[in-house]
Amino acid sequence: MLAELLDDPRSRTDPRGEQRLRLEQLRVRLIAGPDPMRHDAVRVEVERALAVLEPAADDVGLSQACYLLATMHLREGRIRDL
């Protein structure tokens, strides 16, 4: 369903909404699979989203991004780096 929303041309007109969808898609993939994701690939996606969400002060999107970064730190055994 998230992939369908991202494929919808209307999602391209709302950069914040598009980034929120991408972050949610990442979150679902990290939890449910189907296959392992490279941590650096997740980080690149999150950084791309942050570039859009931070200037807009989008607290919802920023919280999604922070959750994903914290999850990556936890999985890498680097929780103290937060």
N, C-alpha and C. Protein backbone atom coordinates (compact mmCIF):
# COMPACT_ATOMS: atom_id res chain seq x y z
N MET A 1 0.82 -1.18 0.00
CA MET A 1 0.00 0.00 0.00
C MET A 1 0.88 1.27 0.00
N LEU A 2 1.95 1.27 0.79
CA LEU A 2 2.83 2.43 0.82
C LEU A 2 3.49 2.64 -0.54
N ALA A 3 3.87 1.56 -1.19
CA ALA A 3 4.49 1.67 -2.52
C ALA A 3 3.51 2.29 -3.51
N GLU A 4 2.24 1.91 -3.41
CA GLU A 4 1.23 2.48 -4.30
C GLU A 4 1.09 3.98 -4.06
N LEU A 5 1.10 4.38 -2.81
CA LEU A 5 1.00 5.80 -2.50
C LEU A 5 2.20 6.57 -3.04
N LEU A 6 3.39 5.98 -2.93
CA LEU A 6 4.59 6.64 -3.45
C LEU A 6 4.59 6.72 -4.97
N ASP A 7 3.96 5.75 -5.63
CA ASP A 7 3.88 5.75 -7.08
C ASP A 7 2.84 6.75 -7.60
N ASP A 8 1.94 7.17 -6.74
CA ASP A 8 0.91 8.14 -7.13
C ASP A 8 1.57 9.49 -7.42
N PRO A 9 1.34 10.05 -8.59
CA PRO A 9 1.98 11.33 -8.92
C PRO A 9 1.66 12.45 -7.93
N ARG A 10 0.54 12.35 -7.24
CA ARG A 10 0.19 13.40 -6.27
C ARG A 10 1.16 13.44 -5.10
N SER A 11 1.82 12.31 -4.79
CA SER A 11 2.77 12.31 -3.68
C SER A 11 3.99 13.18 -4.00
N ARG A 12 4.27 13.37 -5.29
CA ARG A 12 5.41 14.18 -5.70
C ARG A 12 5.18 15.68 -5.47
N THR A 13 3.92 16.07 -5.30
CA THR A 13 3.61 17.49 -5.09
C THR A 13 3.76 17.89 -3.64
N ASP A 14 3.95 16.93 -2.75
CA ASP A 14 4.10 17.21 -1.32
C ASP A 14 5.39 16.54 -0.83
N PRO A 15 6.52 17.25 -0.89
CA PRO A 15 7.80 16.64 -0.52
C PRO A 15 7.82 16.09 0.91
N ARG A 16 7.20 16.81 1.85
CA ARG A 16 7.18 16.30 3.23
C ARG A 16 6.37 15.02 3.32
N GLY A 17 5.23 14.99 2.67
CA GLY A 17 4.41 13.78 2.68
C GLY A 17 5.12 12.61 2.04
N GLU A 18 5.82 12.88 0.95
CA GLU A 18 6.59 11.83 0.27
C GLU A 18 7.67 11.27 1.19
N GLN A 19 8.38 12.14 1.89
CA GLN A 19 9.43 11.68 2.80
C GLN A 19 8.85 10.90 3.97
N ARG A 20 7.71 11.34 4.48
CA ARG A 20 7.06 10.59 5.56
C ARG A 20 6.68 9.19 5.10
N LEU A 21 6.16 9.09 3.87
CA LEU A 21 5.82 7.77 3.32
C LEU A 21 7.06 6.90 3.20
N ARG A 22 8.15 7.47 2.72
CA ARG A 22 9.39 6.71 2.57
C ARG A 22 9.91 6.23 3.93
N LEU A 23 9.82 7.09 4.94
CA LEU A 23 10.26 6.69 6.28
C LEU A 23 9.37 5.58 6.84
N GLU A 24 8.08 5.68 6.61
CA GLU A 24 7.18 4.62 7.10
C GLU A 24 7.46 3.31 6.38
N GLN A 25 7.75 3.39 5.09
CA GLN A 25 8.09 2.19 4.33
C GLN A 25 9.37 1.55 4.89
N LEU A 26 10.35 2.37 5.23
CA LEU A 26 11.58 1.86 5.84
C LEU A 26 11.29 1.19 7.18
N ARG A 27 10.47 1.84 7.99
CA ARG A 27 10.15 1.30 9.31
C ARG A 27 9.50 -0.08 9.18
N VAL A 28 8.55 -0.20 8.28
CA VAL A 28 7.85 -1.47 8.08
C VAL A 28 8.84 -2.54 7.60
N ARG A 29 9.70 -2.18 6.66
CA ARG A 29 10.69 -3.15 6.16
C ARG A 29 11.65 -3.59 7.25
N LEU A 30 12.04 -2.66 8.12
CA LEU A 30 12.96 -3.03 9.20
C LEU A 30 12.30 -4.00 10.18
N ILE A 31 11.03 -3.82 10.41
CA ILE A 31 10.31 -4.66 11.38
C ILE A 31 9.88 -5.99 10.75
N ALA A 32 9.30 -5.91 9.55
CA ALA A 32 8.67 -7.10 8.96
C ALA A 32 9.49 -7.79 7.89
N GLY A 33 10.51 -7.16 7.40
CA GLY A 33 11.28 -7.76 6.32
C GLY A 33 10.75 -7.29 4.98
N PRO A 34 10.92 -7.96 3.91
CA PRO A 34 11.19 -9.37 3.78
C PRO A 34 12.67 -9.74 3.87
N ASP A 35 13.54 -8.82 3.62
CA ASP A 35 14.96 -9.18 3.63
C ASP A 35 15.73 -8.15 4.45
N PRO A 36 16.91 -8.51 4.88
CA PRO A 36 17.70 -7.55 5.66
C PRO A 36 18.05 -6.33 4.81
N MET A 37 18.09 -5.20 5.47
CA MET A 37 18.46 -3.96 4.79
C MET A 37 19.83 -3.53 5.30
N ARG A 38 20.61 -2.98 4.41
CA ARG A 38 21.91 -2.45 4.82
C ARG A 38 21.68 -1.20 5.66
N HIS A 39 22.39 -1.12 6.76
CA HIS A 39 22.22 0.01 7.66
C HIS A 39 22.62 1.32 7.00
N ASP A 40 23.65 1.28 6.17
CA ASP A 40 24.05 2.52 5.50
C ASP A 40 22.99 2.99 4.51
N ALA A 41 22.26 2.06 3.89
CA ALA A 41 21.18 2.43 2.97
C ALA A 41 20.04 3.10 3.74
N VAL A 42 19.75 2.59 4.93
CA VAL A 42 18.71 3.20 5.76
C VAL A 42 19.15 4.61 6.15
N ARG A 43 20.39 4.75 6.55
CA ARG A 43 20.91 6.05 6.96
C ARG A 43 20.83 7.08 5.83
N VAL A 44 21.15 6.66 4.61
CA VAL A 44 21.08 7.56 3.46
C VAL A 44 19.65 8.05 3.24
N GLU A 45 18.69 7.13 3.33
CA GLU A 45 17.29 7.49 3.16
C GLU A 45 16.83 8.45 4.26
N VAL A 46 17.24 8.18 5.49
CA VAL A 46 16.84 9.04 6.61
C VAL A 46 17.46 10.43 6.44
N GLU A 47 18.70 10.50 6.04
CA GLU A 47 19.35 11.80 5.84
C GLU A 47 18.67 12.59 4.73
N ARG A 48 18.25 11.89 3.68
CA ARG A 48 17.52 12.54 2.58
C ARG A 48 16.21 13.12 3.11
N ALA A 49 15.53 12.37 3.94
CA ALA A 49 14.27 12.84 4.51
C ALA A 49 14.50 14.02 5.44
N LEU A 50 15.55 13.94 6.25
CA LEU A 50 15.85 15.03 7.19
C LEU A 50 16.10 16.34 6.45
N ALA A 51 16.71 16.27 5.28
CA ALA A 51 16.98 17.48 4.51
C ALA A 51 15.70 18.21 4.11
N VAL A 52 14.61 17.47 4.01
CA VAL A 52 13.31 18.07 3.67
C VAL A 52 12.54 18.43 4.94
N LEU A 53 12.59 17.56 5.94
CA LEU A 53 11.75 17.72 7.12
C LEU A 53 12.27 18.74 8.13
N GLU A 54 13.58 18.85 8.29
CA GLU A 54 14.13 19.79 9.28
C GLU A 54 13.79 21.24 8.96
N PRO A 55 14.01 21.71 7.72
CA PRO A 55 13.68 23.11 7.44
C PRO A 55 12.19 23.42 7.60
N ALA A 56 11.37 22.41 7.41
CA ALA A 56 9.91 22.59 7.53
C ALA A 56 9.44 22.44 8.97
N ALA A 57 10.33 22.10 9.89
CA ALA A 57 9.99 21.86 11.29
C ALA A 57 8.82 20.87 11.41
N ASP A 58 8.90 19.81 10.62
CA ASP A 58 7.87 18.77 10.58
C ASP A 58 8.13 17.78 11.72
N ASP A 59 7.51 18.02 12.86
CA ASP A 59 7.76 17.20 14.04
C ASP A 59 7.38 15.74 13.86
N VAL A 60 6.31 15.49 13.12
CA VAL A 60 5.89 14.10 12.90
C VAL A 60 6.95 13.36 12.07
N GLY A 61 7.36 13.97 10.97
CA GLY A 61 8.38 13.35 10.12
C GLY A 61 9.71 13.22 10.84
N LEU A 62 10.07 14.24 11.61
CA LEU A 62 11.33 14.19 12.36
C LEU A 62 11.32 13.08 13.40
N SER A 63 10.17 12.86 14.02
CA SER A 63 10.11 11.77 15.01
C SER A 63 10.25 10.41 14.32
N GLN A 64 9.70 10.28 13.11
CA GLN A 64 9.88 9.04 12.35
C GLN A 64 11.36 8.83 12.04
N ALA A 65 12.04 9.88 11.62
CA ALA A 65 13.45 9.79 11.28
C ALA A 65 14.29 9.44 12.50
N CYS A 66 13.99 10.07 13.63
CA CYS A 66 14.73 9.79 14.87
C CYS A 66 14.53 8.34 15.31
N TYR A 67 13.32 7.83 15.16
CA TYR A 67 13.05 6.44 15.51
C TYR A 67 13.93 5.51 14.68
N LEU A 68 14.01 5.78 13.37
CA LEU A 68 14.81 4.92 12.50
C LEU A 68 16.30 5.01 12.83
N LEU A 69 16.79 6.21 13.10
CA LEU A 69 18.20 6.35 13.47
C LEU A 69 18.49 5.63 14.79
N ALA A 70 17.59 5.75 15.76
CA ALA A 70 17.77 5.07 17.04
C ALA A 70 17.77 3.55 16.84
N THR A 71 16.89 3.07 15.98
CA THR A 71 16.84 1.64 15.69
C THR A 71 18.15 1.16 15.08
N MET A 72 18.72 1.94 14.18
CA MET A 72 19.99 1.58 13.58
C MET A 72 21.10 1.56 14.63
N HIS A 73 21.13 2.55 15.50
CA HIS A 73 22.14 2.57 16.57
C HIS A 73 21.99 1.34 17.47
N LEU A 74 20.77 1.00 17.80
CA LEU A 74 20.52 -0.16 18.66
C LEU A 74 20.99 -1.45 17.99
N ARG A 75 20.65 -1.61 16.73
CA ARG A 75 21.04 -2.83 15.99
C ARG A 75 22.55 -2.94 15.81
N GLU A 76 23.22 -1.81 15.75
CA GLU A 76 24.67 -1.79 15.57
C GLU A 76 25.41 -1.83 16.89
N GLY A 77 24.67 -1.86 18.01
CA GLY A 77 25.30 -1.87 19.32
C GLY A 77 25.93 -0.53 19.68
N ARG A 78 25.40 0.55 19.12
CA ARG A 78 25.96 1.88 19.35
C ARG A 78 24.96 2.80 20.05
N ILE A 79 24.18 2.26 20.96
CA ILE A 79 23.13 3.04 21.60
C ILE A 79 23.69 4.23 22.38
N ARG A 80 24.91 4.14 22.85
CA ARG A 80 25.51 5.25 23.58
C ARG A 80 25.81 6.44 22.69
N ASP A 81 25.86 6.21 21.38
CA ASP A 81 26.14 7.30 20.44
C ASP A 81 24.96 8.23 20.25
N LEU A 82 23.82 7.84 20.77
CA LEU A 82 22.65 8.71 20.62
C LEU A 82 22.84 9.90 21.45
